[in-house]
PDB file of N, CA and C in Angstrom:
ATOM      1  N   MET A   1     -80.665 -15.462  44.550  1.00  0.00           N
ATOM      2  CA  MET A   1     -81.146 -14.212  43.930  1.00  0.00           C
ATOM      3  C   MET A   1     -82.249 -14.280  42.805  1.00  0.00           C
ATOM      4  N   SER A   2     -83.020 -13.452  42.849  1.00  0.00           N
ATOM      5  CA  SER A   2     -84.928 -13.618  42.281  1.00  0.00           C
ATOM      6  C   SER A   2     -84.628 -12.659  40.984  1.00  0.00           C
ATOM      7  N   ASP A   3     -85.443 -13.413  39.943  1.00  0.00           N
ATOM      8  CA  ASP A   3     -84.900 -12.578  38.557  1.00  0.00           C
ATOM      9  C   ASP A   3     -86.323 -11.748  38.613  1.00  0.00           C
ATOM     10  N   HIS A   4     -87.130 -11.395  39.720  1.00  0.00           N
ATOM     11  CA  HIS A   4     -88.312 -10.860  39.683  1.00  0.00           C
ATOM     12  C   HIS A   4     -88.082  -9.558  39.610  1.00  0.00           C
ATOM     13  N   ILE A   5     -88.835  -8.762  38.901  1.00  0.00           N
ATOM     14  CA  ILE A   5     -89.176  -7.213  38.880  1.00  0.00           C
ATOM     15  C   ILE A   5     -90.183  -6.512  39.165  1.00  0.00           C
ATOM     16  N   TYR A   6     -90.082  -6.411  40.649  1.00  0.00           N
ATOM     17  CA  TYR A   6     -91.413  -6.032  41.266  1.00  0.00           C
ATOM     18  C   TYR A   6     -91.716  -4.466  40.907  1.00  0.00           C
ATOM     19  N   ASP A   7     -92.740  -4.057  41.464  1.00  0.00           N
ATOM     20  CA  ASP A   7     -93.589  -3.163  40.710  1.00  0.00           C
ATOM     21  C   ASP A   7     -94.821  -2.835  42.050  1.00  0.00           C
ATOM     22  N   PRO A   8     -94.315  -1.462  42.886  1.00  0.00           N
ATOM     23  CA  PRO A   8     -95.195  -1.692  44.304  1.00  0.00           C
ATOM     24  C   PRO A   8     -97.275  -0.969  43.576  1.00  0.00           C
ATOM     25  N   TYR A   9     -97.579  -1.719  43.899  1.00  0.00           N
ATOM     26  CA  TYR A   9     -99.305  -1.755  43.526  1.00  0.00           C
ATOM     27  C   TYR A   9    -100.243  -1.254  44.871  1.00  0.00           C
ATOM     28  N   SER A  10    -101.312  -0.460  44.639  1.00  0.00           N
ATOM     29  CA  SER A  10    -102.164  -0.832  46.122  1.00  0.00           C
ATOM     30  C   SER A  10    -104.236  -1.080  45.028  1.00  0.00           C
ATOM     31  N   GLY A  11    -104.703  -1.724  45.866  1.00  0.00           N
ATOM     32  CA  GLY A  11    -106.098  -1.835  44.898  1.00  0.00           C
ATOM     33  C   GLY A  11    -107.011  -1.668  46.009  1.00  0.00           C
ATOM     34  N   CYS A  12    -108.124  -1.490  46.310  1.00  0.00           N
ATOM     35  CA  CYS A  12    -109.501  -0.477  47.150  1.00  0.00           C
ATOM     36  C   CYS A  12    -109.400  -2.461  47.265  1.00  0.00           C
ATOM     37  N   GLY A  13    -109.479  -2.509  48.752  1.00  0.00           N
ATOM     38  CA  GLY A  13    -110.301  -3.671  49.315  1.00  0.00           C
ATOM     39  C   GLY A  13    -108.842  -4.979  49.170  1.00  0.00           C
ATOM     40  N   PHE A  14    -107.697  -4.856  48.611  1.00  0.00           N
ATOM     41  CA  PHE A  14    -106.044  -5.275  48.941  1.00  0.00           C
ATOM     42  C   PHE A  14    -105.075  -5.234  49.294  1.00  0.00           C
ATOM     43  N   GLY A  15    -105.405  -3.825  49.730  1.00  0.00           N
ATOM     44  CA  GLY A  15    -103.996  -3.088  50.150  1.00  0.00           C
ATOM     45  C   GLY A  15    -102.825  -3.103  48.896  1.00  0.00           C
ATOM     46  N   ARG A  16    -101.725  -2.747  49.935  1.00  0.00           N
ATOM     47  CA  ARG A  16    -100.509  -2.505  49.036  1.00  0.00           C
ATOM     48  C   ARG A  16     -99.489  -3.855  48.490  1.00  0.00           C
ATOM     49  N   PHE A  17     -99.110  -4.393  47.672  1.00  0.00           N
ATOM     50  CA  PHE A  17     -98.766  -5.169  47.095  1.00  0.00           C
ATOM     51  C   PHE A  17     -98.184  -4.769  45.976  1.00  0.00           C
ATOM     52  N   HIS A  18     -96.486  -6.277  45.498  1.00  0.00           N
ATOM     53  CA  HIS A  18     -96.020  -5.599  44.715  1.00  0.00           C
ATOM     54  C   HIS A  18     -96.032  -6.934  43.828  1.00  0.00           C
ATOM     55  N   SER A  19     -95.900  -6.217  42.447  1.00  0.00           N
ATOM     56  CA  SER A  19     -96.512  -7.289  41.313  1.00  0.00           C
ATOM     57  C   SER A  19     -95.055  -7.529  40.820  1.00  0.00           C
ATOM     58  N   CYS A  20     -94.677  -8.609  40.001  1.00  0.00           N
ATOM     59  CA  CYS A  20     -93.615  -8.521  38.902  1.00  0.00           C
ATOM     60  C   CYS A  20     -94.407  -8.364  37.744  1.00  0.00           C
ATOM     61  N   ARG A  21     -93.714  -7.457  36.798  1.00  0.00           N
ATOM     62  CA  ARG A  21     -93.834  -7.076  35.427  1.00  0.00           C
ATOM     63  C   ARG A  21     -93.307  -8.242  34.422  1.00  0.00           C
ATOM     64  N   VAL A  22     -92.970  -9.222  34.841  1.00  0.00           N
ATOM     65  CA  VAL A  22     -92.311 -10.157  33.907  1.00  0.00           C
ATOM     66  C   VAL A  22     -93.335 -11.308  34.100  1.00  0.00           C
ATOM     67  N   CYS A  23     -93.484 -11.899  35.329  1.00  0.00           N
ATOM     68  CA  CYS A  23     -94.257 -13.359  35.034  1.00  0.00           C
ATOM     69  C   CYS A  23     -95.393 -13.287  36.020  1.00  0.00           C
ATOM     70  N   GLY A  24     -95.798 -11.927  36.507  1.00  0.00           N
ATOM     71  CA  GLY A  24     -97.036 -11.895  37.179  1.00  0.00           C
ATOM     72  C   GLY A  24     -97.272 -12.075  38.536  1.00  0.00           C
ATOM     73  N   THR A  25     -96.114 -12.695  39.348  1.00  0.00           N
ATOM     74  CA  THR A  25     -96.305 -13.061  40.478  1.00  0.00           C
ATOM     75  C   THR A  25     -96.617 -12.180  41.120  1.00  0.00           C
ATOM     76  N   SER A  26     -96.840 -12.118  42.575  1.00  0.00           N
ATOM     77  CA  SER A  26     -97.365 -11.093  43.568  1.00  0.00           C
ATOM     78  C   SER A  26     -96.922 -11.038  44.549  1.00  0.00           C
ATOM     79  N   LYS A  27     -96.718 -10.085  45.702  1.00  0.00           N
ATOM     80  CA  LYS A  27     -96.194 -10.603  47.239  1.00  0.00           C
ATOM     81  C   LYS A  27     -96.700  -9.672  47.858  1.00  0.00           C
ATOM     82  N   HIS A  28     -97.358 -10.241  49.290  1.00  0.00           N
ATOM     83  CA  HIS A  28     -98.540  -9.794  49.747  1.00  0.00           C
ATOM     84  C   HIS A  28     -98.809 -10.559  51.074  1.00  0.00           C
ATOM     85  N   SER A  29     -98.643 -10.126  52.075  1.00  0.00           N
ATOM     86  CA  SER A  29     -99.372 -11.026  53.089  1.00  0.00           C
ATOM     87  C   SER A  29     -98.218 -11.810  54.144  1.00  0.00           C
ATOM     88  N   GLY A  30     -96.870 -12.404  52.986  1.00  0.00           N
ATOM     89  CA  GLY A  30     -96.016 -13.090  53.351  1.00  0.00           C
ATOM     90  C   GLY A  30     -96.254 -13.947  52.507  1.00  0.00           C
ATOM     91  N   TYR A  31     -96.933 -13.717  51.347  1.00  0.00           N
ATOM     92  CA  TYR A  31     -97.149 -15.179  50.720  1.00  0.00           C
ATOM     93  C   TYR A  31     -96.651 -14.583  48.848  1.00  0.00           C
ATOM     94  N   TYR A  32     -96.392 -15.608  48.300  1.00  0.00           N
ATOM     95  CA  TYR A  32     -96.390 -15.050  47.084  1.00  0.00           C
ATOM     96  C   TYR A  32     -97.552 -16.439  45.764  1.00  0.00           C
ATOM     97  N   TRP A  33     -98.046 -15.519  45.089  1.00  0.00           N
ATOM     98  CA  TRP A  33     -99.671 -15.762  44.967  1.00  0.00           C
ATOM     99  C   TRP A  33     -99.606 -15.460  43.051  1.00  0.00           C
ATOM    100  N   LEU A  34     -99.824 -16.613  42.752  1.00  0.00           N
ATOM    101  CA  LEU A  34     -99.213 -16.652  40.719  1.00  0.00           C
ATOM    102  C   LEU A  34    -100.121 -17.534  40.446  1.00  0.00           C
ATOM    103  N   ALA A  35    -101.215 -17.464  39.528  1.00  0.00           N
ATOM    104  CA  ALA A  35    -102.219 -18.601  39.222  1.00  0.00           C
ATOM    105  C   ALA A  35    -102.854 -19.263  39.656  1.00  0.00           C
ATOM    106  N   GLY A  36    -103.195 -18.714  40.718  1.00  0.00           N
ATOM    107  CA  GLY A  36    -104.563 -19.106  41.646  1.00  0.00           C
ATOM    108  C   GLY A  36    -103.763 -20.125  43.019  1.00  0.00           C
ATOM    109  N   TYR A  37    -102.373 -19.832  43.510  1.00  0.00           N
ATOM    110  CA  TYR A  37    -101.770 -20.411  44.016  1.00  0.00           C
ATOM    111  C   TYR A  37    -101.261 -19.370  44.972  1.00  0.00           C
ATOM    112  N   LYS A  38    -100.930 -20.329  46.086  1.00  0.00           N
ATOM    113  CA  LYS A  38    -100.438 -19.445  46.907  1.00  0.00           C
ATOM    114  C   LYS A  38     -98.929 -20.227  47.369  1.00  0.00           C
ATOM    115  N   SER A  39     -97.938 -19.309  48.199  1.00  0.00           N
ATOM    116  CA  SER A  39     -96.701 -20.408  48.557  1.00  0.00           C
ATOM    117  C   SER A  39     -96.001 -19.348  49.258  1.00  0.00           C
ATOM    118  N   LYS A  40     -95.342 -19.942  50.645  1.00  0.00           N
ATOM    119  CA  LYS A  40     -94.362 -18.940  51.083  1.00  0.00           C
ATOM    120  C   LYS A  40     -92.923 -18.716  50.184  1.00  0.00           C
ATOM    121  N   ALA A  41     -92.914 -19.780  49.844  1.00  0.00           N
ATOM    122  CA  ALA A  41     -91.418 -20.081  48.312  1.00  0.00           C
ATOM    123  C   ALA A  41     -91.880 -18.735  47.461  1.00  0.00           C
ATOM    124  N   GLU A  42     -90.414 -18.257  46.999  1.00  0.00           N
ATOM    125  CA  GLU A  42     -91.223 -17.515  45.846  1.00  0.00           C
ATOM    126  C   GLU A  42     -90.844 -18.483  44.677  1.00  0.00           C
ATOM    127  N   PRO A  43     -91.620 -18.468  43.462  1.00  0.00           N
ATOM    128  CA  PRO A  43     -91.907 -18.979  42.389  1.00  0.00           C
ATOM    129  C   PRO A  43     -90.205 -18.713  41.709  1.00  0.00           C
ATOM    130  N   PRO A  44     -90.047 -19.326  41.031  1.00  0.00           N
ATOM    131  CA  PRO A  44     -88.839 -18.922  39.509  1.00  0.00           C
ATOM    132  C   PRO A  44     -89.722 -17.651  38.484  1.00  0.00           C
ATOM    133  N   CYS A  45     -89.293 -17.190  38.741  1.00  0.00           N
ATOM    134  CA  CYS A  45     -89.987 -15.598  37.084  1.00  0.00           C
ATOM    135  C   CYS A  45     -89.476 -16.304  35.938  1.00  0.00           C
ATOM    136  N   LYS A  46     -90.671 -16.845  35.535  1.00  0.00           N
ATOM    137  CA  LYS A  46     -90.944 -17.889  34.050  1.00  0.00           C
ATOM    138  C   LYS A  46     -92.016 -17.030  33.439  1.00  0.00           C
ATOM    139  N   ALA A  47     -91.769 -16.044  32.803  1.00  0.00           N
ATOM    140  CA  ALA A  47     -92.575 -15.622  31.850  1.00  0.00           C
ATOM    141  C   ALA A  47     -93.330 -16.919  31.369  1.00  0.00           C
ATOM    142  N   TRP A  48     -95.201 -16.543  31.517  1.00  0.00           N
ATOM    143  CA  TRP A  48     -95.936 -17.050  30.880  1.00  0.00           C
ATOM    144  C   TRP A  48     -96.056 -18.627  31.533  1.00  0.00           C
ATOM    145  N   THR A  49     -95.405 -19.315  31.960  1.00  0.00           N
ATOM    146  CA  THR A  49     -95.256 -20.230  31.917  1.00  0.00           C
ATOM    147  C   THR A  49     -95.465 -20.666  33.726  1.00  0.00           C
ATOM    148  N   LEU A  50     -96.066 -21.792  34.653  1.00  0.00           N
ATOM    149  CA  LEU A  50     -96.190 -22.117  35.625  1.00  0.00           C
ATOM    150  C   LEU A  50     -95.134 -23.184  36.201  1.00  0.00           C
ATOM    151  N   ASP A  51     -93.869 -22.860  37.067  1.00  0.00           N
ATOM    152  CA  ASP A  51     -93.117 -24.263  37.218  1.00  0.00           C
ATOM    153  C   ASP A  51     -93.849 -25.039  38.338  1.00  0.00           C
ATOM    154  N   PRO A  52     -93.616 -26.373  37.315  1.00  0.00           N
ATOM    155  CA  PRO A  52     -94.850 -27.675  38.000  1.00  0.00           C
ATOM    156  C   PRO A  52     -93.645 -27.575  39.593  1.00  0.00           C
ATOM    157  N   ASP A  53     -92.819 -27.876  39.767  1.00  0.00           N
ATOM    158  CA  ASP A  53     -92.249 -27.809  41.006  1.00  0.00           C
ATOM    159  C   ASP A  53     -92.871 -26.876  42.069  1.00  0.00           C
ATOM    160  N   TRP A  54     -92.540 -25.672  41.843  1.00  0.00           N
ATOM    161  CA  TRP A  54     -93.666 -24.616  43.166  1.00  0.00           C
ATOM    162  C   TRP A  54     -95.031 -24.877  42.855  1.00  0.00           C
ATOM    163  N   LYS A  55     -95.399 -25.447  41.813  1.00  0.00           N
ATOM    164  CA  LYS A  55     -96.950 -25.209  42.008  1.00  0.00           C
ATOM    165  C   LYS A  55     -97.654 -26.790  43.119  1.00  0.00           C
ATOM    166  N   ALA A  56     -96.837 -27.694  42.774  1.00  0.00           N
ATOM    167  CA  ALA A  56     -97.015 -29.281  43.607  1.00  0.00           C
ATOM    168  C   ALA A  56     -96.765 -28.298  44.904  1.00  0.00           C
ATOM    169  N   GLN A  57     -95.576 -27.559  45.306  1.00  0.00           N
ATOM    170  CA  GLN A  57     -95.589 -27.460  46.940  1.00  0.00           C
ATOM    171  C   GLN A  57     -96.689 -26.022  47.685  1.00  0.00           C
ATOM    172  N   ALA A  58     -97.532 -25.690  46.533  1.00  0.00           N
ATOM    173  CA  ALA A  58     -98.126 -24.694  46.732  1.00  0.00           C
ATOM    174  C   ALA A  58     -99.669 -24.726  46.824  1.00  0.00           C
ATOM    175  N   ILE A  59    -100.401 -24.310  47.656  1.00  0.00           N
ATOM    176  CA  ILE A  59    -101.202 -24.401  47.545  1.00  0.00           C
ATOM    177  C   ILE A  59    -103.005 -23.956  46.546  1.00  0.00           C
ATOM    178  N   PRO A  60    -104.185 -24.479  46.804  1.00  0.00           N
ATOM    179  CA  PRO A  60    -104.856 -23.452  45.783  1.00  0.00           C
ATOM    180  C   PRO A  60    -105.506 -22.065  46.854  1.00  0.00           C
ATOM    181  N   ALA A  61    -105.496 -21.158  45.847  1.00  0.00           N
ATOM    182  CA  ALA A  61    -105.967 -20.054  46.807  1.00  0.00           C
ATOM    183  C   ALA A  61    -106.760 -19.375  45.594  1.00  0.00           C
ATOM    184  N   PRO A  62    -108.148 -19.187  46.297  1.00  0.00           N
ATOM    185  CA  PRO A  62    -109.373 -18.888  45.614  1.00  0.00           C
ATOM    186  C   PRO A  62    -109.337 -17.358  45.194  1.00  0.00           C
ATOM    187  N   ILE A  63    -109.717 -16.734  44.060  1.00  0.00           N
ATOM    188  CA  ILE A  63    -109.549 -15.184  44.096  1.00  0.00           C
ATOM    189  C   ILE A  63    -109.930 -14.870  45.270  1.00  0.00           C
ATOM    190  N   THR A  64    -111.607 -14.776  46.031  1.00  0.00           N
ATOM    191  CA  THR A  64    -111.795 -14.944  47.010  1.00  0.00           C
ATOM    192  C   THR A  64    -111.164 -14.235  48.454  1.00  0.00           C
ATOM    193  N   GLU A  65    -110.110 -15.247  48.634  1.00  0.00           N
ATOM    194  CA  GLU A  65    -109.260 -15.067  49.751  1.00  0.00           C
ATOM    195  C   GLU A  65    -108.251 -14.028  49.982  1.00  0.00           C
ATOM    196  N   ALA A  66    -108.257 -13.213  50.880  1.00  0.00           N
ATOM    197  CA  ALA A  66    -107.801 -12.517  51.134  1.00  0.00           C
ATOM    198  C   ALA A  66    -106.132 -12.340  51.853  1.00  0.00           C
TER     199      ALA A  66
END
């Protein structure tokens, strides 16, 4: 079960996505995005921290990547 609290958003050039109001994780295009990384696996919802296990299996995602 997820502890995330997702709110829907839309942005010019970004389309529609959901972002967690607690930790900032975003869901878009089948990926979870957090702190410059993306993964198909949902990261734990931890405010102000990046889970090292999730980061280790995620791939870097430059801000310019759509």
